[in-house]
Amino acid sequence: MKTISRTQKTRMAGLLYLLLIITGMFSLMYVPNQIMDWENASVTLENLKNNEFIFKLSIVSGILMALTFLMLAYVLYRLFFQVNNTMARLLLIFVAISVGFSFSNMTHKLDILTLLNKPQYLSGVDLETQIMLHFESYGNGILVNSVFWGLWLFPFGYLVFRSGFLPKLLGSFLMLGFLGYLTEFAGPLLMEGYYGSFLSEYIGIPGMIGEFGICLWMLIMGDRNGLRRLD
């Protein structure tokens, strides 16, 4: 069997990371912007009815995102286990927990479709209230899962930093991304007026730079051997 080179593994990880970003942006950002109005349940329900197909696509995209995340973690484990096996295992464990949580949390979206398409279950139940409650529960699940989205970045950033074949600067940004996600989780709970504060506006920037940067670097450059071949 042909051995996969380090550069090929790195580019494979970059491709999976790009797919993870695309599916995540669609299911976690684009679709909610088309549907959600947290201040008006009637508008949300109307948007949901008018955009039911893209809501279903967001479920498929969310499942694909979770599976891609797991595959990415495995490829990264194979790429980094010789750098530091303990950190590589931690990365894989945190991602596996996050993926399991994502699948469990997705049932709230399926429940919303059930409420929307099976009116026999709504006798004596307010549809708008039930749907908003499921959206709130799904959002709370995303908030809890963001802890693991942060936790996996620390071993990932450490491995990038120590690898010797990926940029140390991007590894540093990834480790700072760990703090960003944890702050985004704890800030609203512990700090009154967190949203709109200076901290909420800028705490996530290092992680974004690290994640987008390492995705593009791995996809385009592979590793430093790939960079030398461009010289």
Protein backbone atom coordinates (compact mmCIF):
# COMPACT_ATOMS: atom_id res chain seq x y z
CA MET A 1 0.00 0.00 0.00
CA LYS A 2 1.34 3.42 -0.97
CA THR A 3 2.34 5.57 2.01
CA ILE A 4 0.66 8.97 2.21
CA SER A 5 3.27 11.69 2.55
CA ARG A 6 3.18 14.37 5.23
CA THR A 7 2.42 17.01 2.60
CA GLN A 8 -0.54 14.98 1.31
CA LYS A 9 -1.88 14.52 4.87
CA THR A 10 -1.51 18.23 5.50
CA ARG A 11 -3.36 19.18 2.32
CA MET A 12 -6.06 16.62 3.10
CA ALA A 13 -6.50 18.27 6.51
CA GLY A 14 -6.68 21.68 4.81
CA LEU A 15 -9.41 20.47 2.46
CA LEU A 16 -11.44 19.00 5.32
CA TYR A 17 -10.96 22.21 7.32
CA LEU A 18 -12.28 24.25 4.38
CA LEU A 19 -15.35 21.99 4.12
CA LEU A 20 -15.85 22.36 7.88
CA ILE A 21 -15.77 26.15 7.59
CA ILE A 22 -18.19 26.22 4.63
CA THR A 23 -20.75 23.90 6.20
CA GLY A 24 -20.42 25.70 9.53
CA MET A 25 -20.97 29.14 8.02
CA PHE A 26 -24.03 27.88 6.14
CA SER A 27 -25.73 26.07 9.03
CA LEU A 28 -24.67 28.33 11.91
CA MET A 29 -24.69 31.77 10.24
CA TYR A 30 -26.44 31.99 6.87
CA VAL A 31 -29.59 29.98 7.63
CA PRO A 32 -30.26 31.55 11.07
CA ASN A 33 -29.94 35.01 9.47
CA GLN A 34 -32.64 34.02 6.97
CA ILE A 35 -35.04 32.69 9.60
CA MET A 36 -34.51 33.97 13.11
CA ASP A 37 -36.06 37.03 14.68
CA TRP A 38 -35.58 36.55 18.41
CA GLU A 39 -37.83 39.50 19.20
CA ASN A 40 -40.77 38.29 17.12
CA ALA A 41 -41.93 34.66 17.17
CA SER A 42 -44.55 35.28 14.46
CA VAL A 43 -41.94 36.57 12.02
CA THR A 44 -39.66 33.64 12.82
CA LEU A 45 -42.45 31.15 12.15
CA GLU A 46 -43.34 32.85 8.87
CA ASN A 47 -39.69 32.88 7.80
CA LEU A 48 -39.41 29.22 8.72
CA LYS A 49 -42.42 28.31 6.58
CA ASN A 50 -41.09 30.34 3.65
CA ASN A 51 -37.58 28.89 3.97
CA GLU A 52 -38.34 25.35 5.06
CA PHE A 53 -36.11 23.84 2.38
CA ILE A 54 -32.99 25.77 3.41
CA PHE A 55 -33.80 24.91 7.03
CA LYS A 56 -33.72 21.24 6.03
CA LEU A 57 -30.45 21.91 4.20
CA SER A 58 -29.06 23.39 7.42
CA ILE A 59 -29.75 20.06 9.16
CA VAL A 60 -27.95 18.13 6.42
CA SER A 61 -25.14 20.68 6.48
CA GLY A 62 -24.89 20.42 10.27
CA ILE A 63 -24.58 16.63 10.09
CA LEU A 64 -21.95 16.95 7.35
CA MET A 65 -20.12 19.54 9.46
CA ALA A 66 -19.96 17.16 12.44
CA LEU A 67 -18.73 14.23 10.34
CA THR A 68 -16.14 16.43 8.64
CA PHE A 69 -14.95 17.66 12.03
CA LEU A 70 -14.40 14.07 13.15
CA MET A 71 -12.54 13.15 9.96
CA LEU A 72 -10.40 16.28 10.27
CA ALA A 73 -9.49 15.36 13.84
CA TYR A 74 -8.41 11.87 12.78
CA VAL A 75 -6.26 13.20 9.92
CA LEU A 76 -4.68 15.73 12.29
CA TYR A 77 -4.03 12.97 14.82
CA ARG A 78 -2.22 10.94 12.16
CA LEU A 79 -0.31 14.05 11.13
CA PHE A 80 0.78 15.11 14.63
CA PHE A 81 0.97 12.01 16.84
CA GLN A 82 4.75 11.88 16.47
CA VAL A 83 5.03 15.54 17.51
CA ASN A 84 3.27 14.92 20.84
CA ASN A 85 1.04 11.88 21.19
CA THR A 86 -0.69 13.13 24.35
CA MET A 87 -1.75 16.42 22.75
CA ALA A 88 -2.81 14.65 19.56
CA ARG A 89 -5.02 12.32 21.60
CA LEU A 90 -6.52 15.25 23.52
CA LEU A 91 -7.38 16.91 20.22
CA LEU A 92 -9.16 13.78 19.04
CA ILE A 93 -11.02 13.31 22.34
CA PHE A 94 -12.31 16.91 22.48
CA VAL A 95 -13.52 16.73 18.89
CA ALA A 96 -15.22 13.36 19.44
CA ILE A 97 -17.13 14.76 22.44
CA SER A 98 -18.13 17.83 20.43
CA VAL A 99 -19.37 15.72 17.51
CA GLY A 100 -21.48 13.52 19.79
CA PHE A 101 -22.97 16.63 21.36
CA SER A 102 -23.70 18.10 17.91
CA PHE A 103 -25.69 15.03 16.88
CA SER A 104 -27.68 15.13 20.10
CA ASN A 105 -28.37 18.85 19.75
CA MET A 106 -29.59 18.41 16.16
CA THR A 107 -32.74 16.70 17.46
CA HIS A 108 -34.10 20.16 18.35
CA LYS A 109 -34.11 21.09 14.65
CA LEU A 110 -35.82 17.81 13.76
CA ASP A 111 -38.41 18.49 16.47
CA ILE A 112 -39.09 21.87 14.86
CA LEU A 113 -39.81 20.15 11.54
CA THR A 114 -42.12 17.71 13.33
CA LEU A 115 -44.08 20.57 14.89
CA LEU A 116 -44.25 22.36 11.56
CA ASN A 117 -45.48 19.40 9.50
CA LYS A 118 -47.57 17.34 11.95
CA PRO A 119 -50.33 19.59 13.31
CA GLN A 120 -51.98 16.62 15.06
CA TYR A 121 -49.37 17.05 17.80
CA LEU A 122 -50.39 20.66 18.44
CA SER A 123 -53.72 20.22 20.18
CA GLY A 124 -53.73 22.79 22.96
CA VAL A 125 -50.13 23.81 22.20
CA ASP A 126 -48.98 27.17 20.91
CA LEU A 127 -46.88 26.50 17.79
CA GLU A 128 -44.86 29.72 17.95
CA THR A 129 -43.92 29.19 21.59
CA GLN A 130 -42.86 25.57 21.04
CA ILE A 131 -40.76 26.40 18.00
CA MET A 132 -39.02 29.31 19.73
CA LEU A 133 -38.35 27.08 22.73
CA HIS A 134 -36.63 24.51 20.51
CA PHE A 135 -34.62 27.25 18.81
CA GLU A 136 -33.57 28.53 22.24
CA SER A 137 -32.61 25.00 23.34
CA TYR A 138 -30.63 24.47 20.14
CA GLY A 139 -28.85 27.78 20.69
CA ASN A 140 -28.03 26.81 24.27
CA GLY A 141 -26.59 23.55 22.96
CA ILE A 142 -24.40 25.48 20.52
CA LEU A 143 -23.21 27.65 23.41
CA VAL A 144 -22.22 24.61 25.48
CA ASN A 145 -20.59 22.95 22.48
CA SER A 146 -18.51 26.08 21.90
CA VAL A 147 -16.53 25.06 25.01
CA PHE A 148 -15.24 22.02 23.10
CA TRP A 149 -14.72 24.10 19.96
CA GLY A 150 -12.33 26.08 22.12
CA LEU A 151 -10.76 23.16 23.99
CA TRP A 152 -9.63 21.37 20.83
CA LEU A 153 -7.86 24.50 19.56
CA PHE A 154 -5.32 24.48 22.38
CA PRO A 155 -3.75 21.08 21.60
CA PHE A 156 -4.13 21.82 17.89
CA GLY A 157 -2.32 25.15 18.26
CA TYR A 158 0.35 23.57 20.45
CA LEU A 159 0.97 20.85 17.86
CA VAL A 160 1.17 23.38 15.04
CA PHE A 161 3.59 25.47 17.11
CA ARG A 162 5.83 22.51 17.95
CA SER A 163 5.56 20.70 14.61
CA GLY A 164 8.47 22.36 12.83
CA PHE A 165 6.66 22.14 9.49
CA LEU A 166 3.81 24.63 10.06
CA PRO A 167 4.05 28.32 11.05
CA LYS A 168 4.52 28.92 14.77
CA LEU A 169 2.58 32.20 14.51
CA LEU A 170 -0.57 30.40 13.38
CA GLY A 171 -0.13 27.94 16.24
CA SER A 172 -0.04 30.86 18.67
CA PHE A 173 -3.24 32.32 17.21
CA LEU A 174 -4.97 28.95 17.52
CA MET A 175 -4.04 28.68 21.19
CA LEU A 176 -5.42 32.20 21.73
CA GLY A 177 -8.59 31.01 19.97
CA PHE A 178 -9.02 28.56 22.85
CA LEU A 179 -9.35 31.52 25.23
CA GLY A 180 -11.70 33.28 22.81
CA TYR A 181 -14.23 30.46 22.71
CA LEU A 182 -14.19 30.00 26.48
CA THR A 183 -14.70 33.73 26.96
CA GLU A 184 -17.59 33.71 24.50
CA PHE A 185 -19.19 30.99 26.63
CA ALA A 186 -18.52 32.45 30.07
CA GLY A 187 -18.81 36.15 29.24
CA PRO A 188 -22.60 36.33 28.76
CA LEU A 189 -23.15 34.23 31.89
CA LEU A 190 -20.85 36.15 34.22
CA MET A 191 -20.62 39.67 32.79
CA GLU A 192 -23.62 41.98 32.55
CA GLY A 193 -23.64 43.82 29.24
CA TYR A 194 -21.09 41.48 27.68
CA TYR A 195 -22.61 41.67 24.21
CA GLY A 196 -21.58 44.92 22.59
CA SER A 197 -18.59 45.29 24.92
CA PHE A 198 -15.02 45.73 23.68
CA LEU A 199 -14.20 42.21 24.85
CA SER A 200 -17.03 40.59 22.89
CA GLU A 201 -16.09 42.50 19.74
CA TYR A 202 -12.43 41.49 19.63
CA ILE A 203 -11.88 38.34 21.72
CA GLY A 204 -12.64 36.02 18.80
CA ILE A 205 -10.31 37.68 16.27
CA PRO A 206 -7.09 35.73 17.09
CA GLY A 207 -8.95 32.42 16.76
CA MET A 208 -10.45 33.46 13.42
CA ILE A 209 -7.01 34.44 12.11
CA GLY A 210 -5.58 31.14 13.32
CA GLU A 211 -8.33 28.94 11.91
CA PHE A 212 -8.65 30.61 8.50
CA GLY A 213 -4.89 30.98 8.28
CA ILE A 214 -4.02 27.36 9.08
CA CYS A 215 -6.78 26.12 6.77
CA LEU A 216 -5.38 28.07 3.80
CA TRP A 217 -1.76 27.27 4.67
CA MET A 218 -2.38 23.53 4.87
CA LEU A 219 -4.52 23.51 1.74
CA ILE A 220 -2.17 25.58 -0.44
CA MET A 221 1.32 25.04 1.01
CA GLY A 222 0.97 21.63 2.64
CA ASP A 223 4.04 21.89 4.85
CA ARG A 224 7.42 23.60 4.65
CA ASN A 225 8.56 21.02 2.12
CA GLY A 226 5.75 22.19 -0.11
CA LEU A 227 6.85 25.79 0.43
CA ARG A 228 10.44 24.94 -0.53
CA ARG A 229 9.26 23.37 -3.76
CA LEU A 230 7.81 26.76 -4.71
CA ASP A 231 11.25 28.44 -4.37
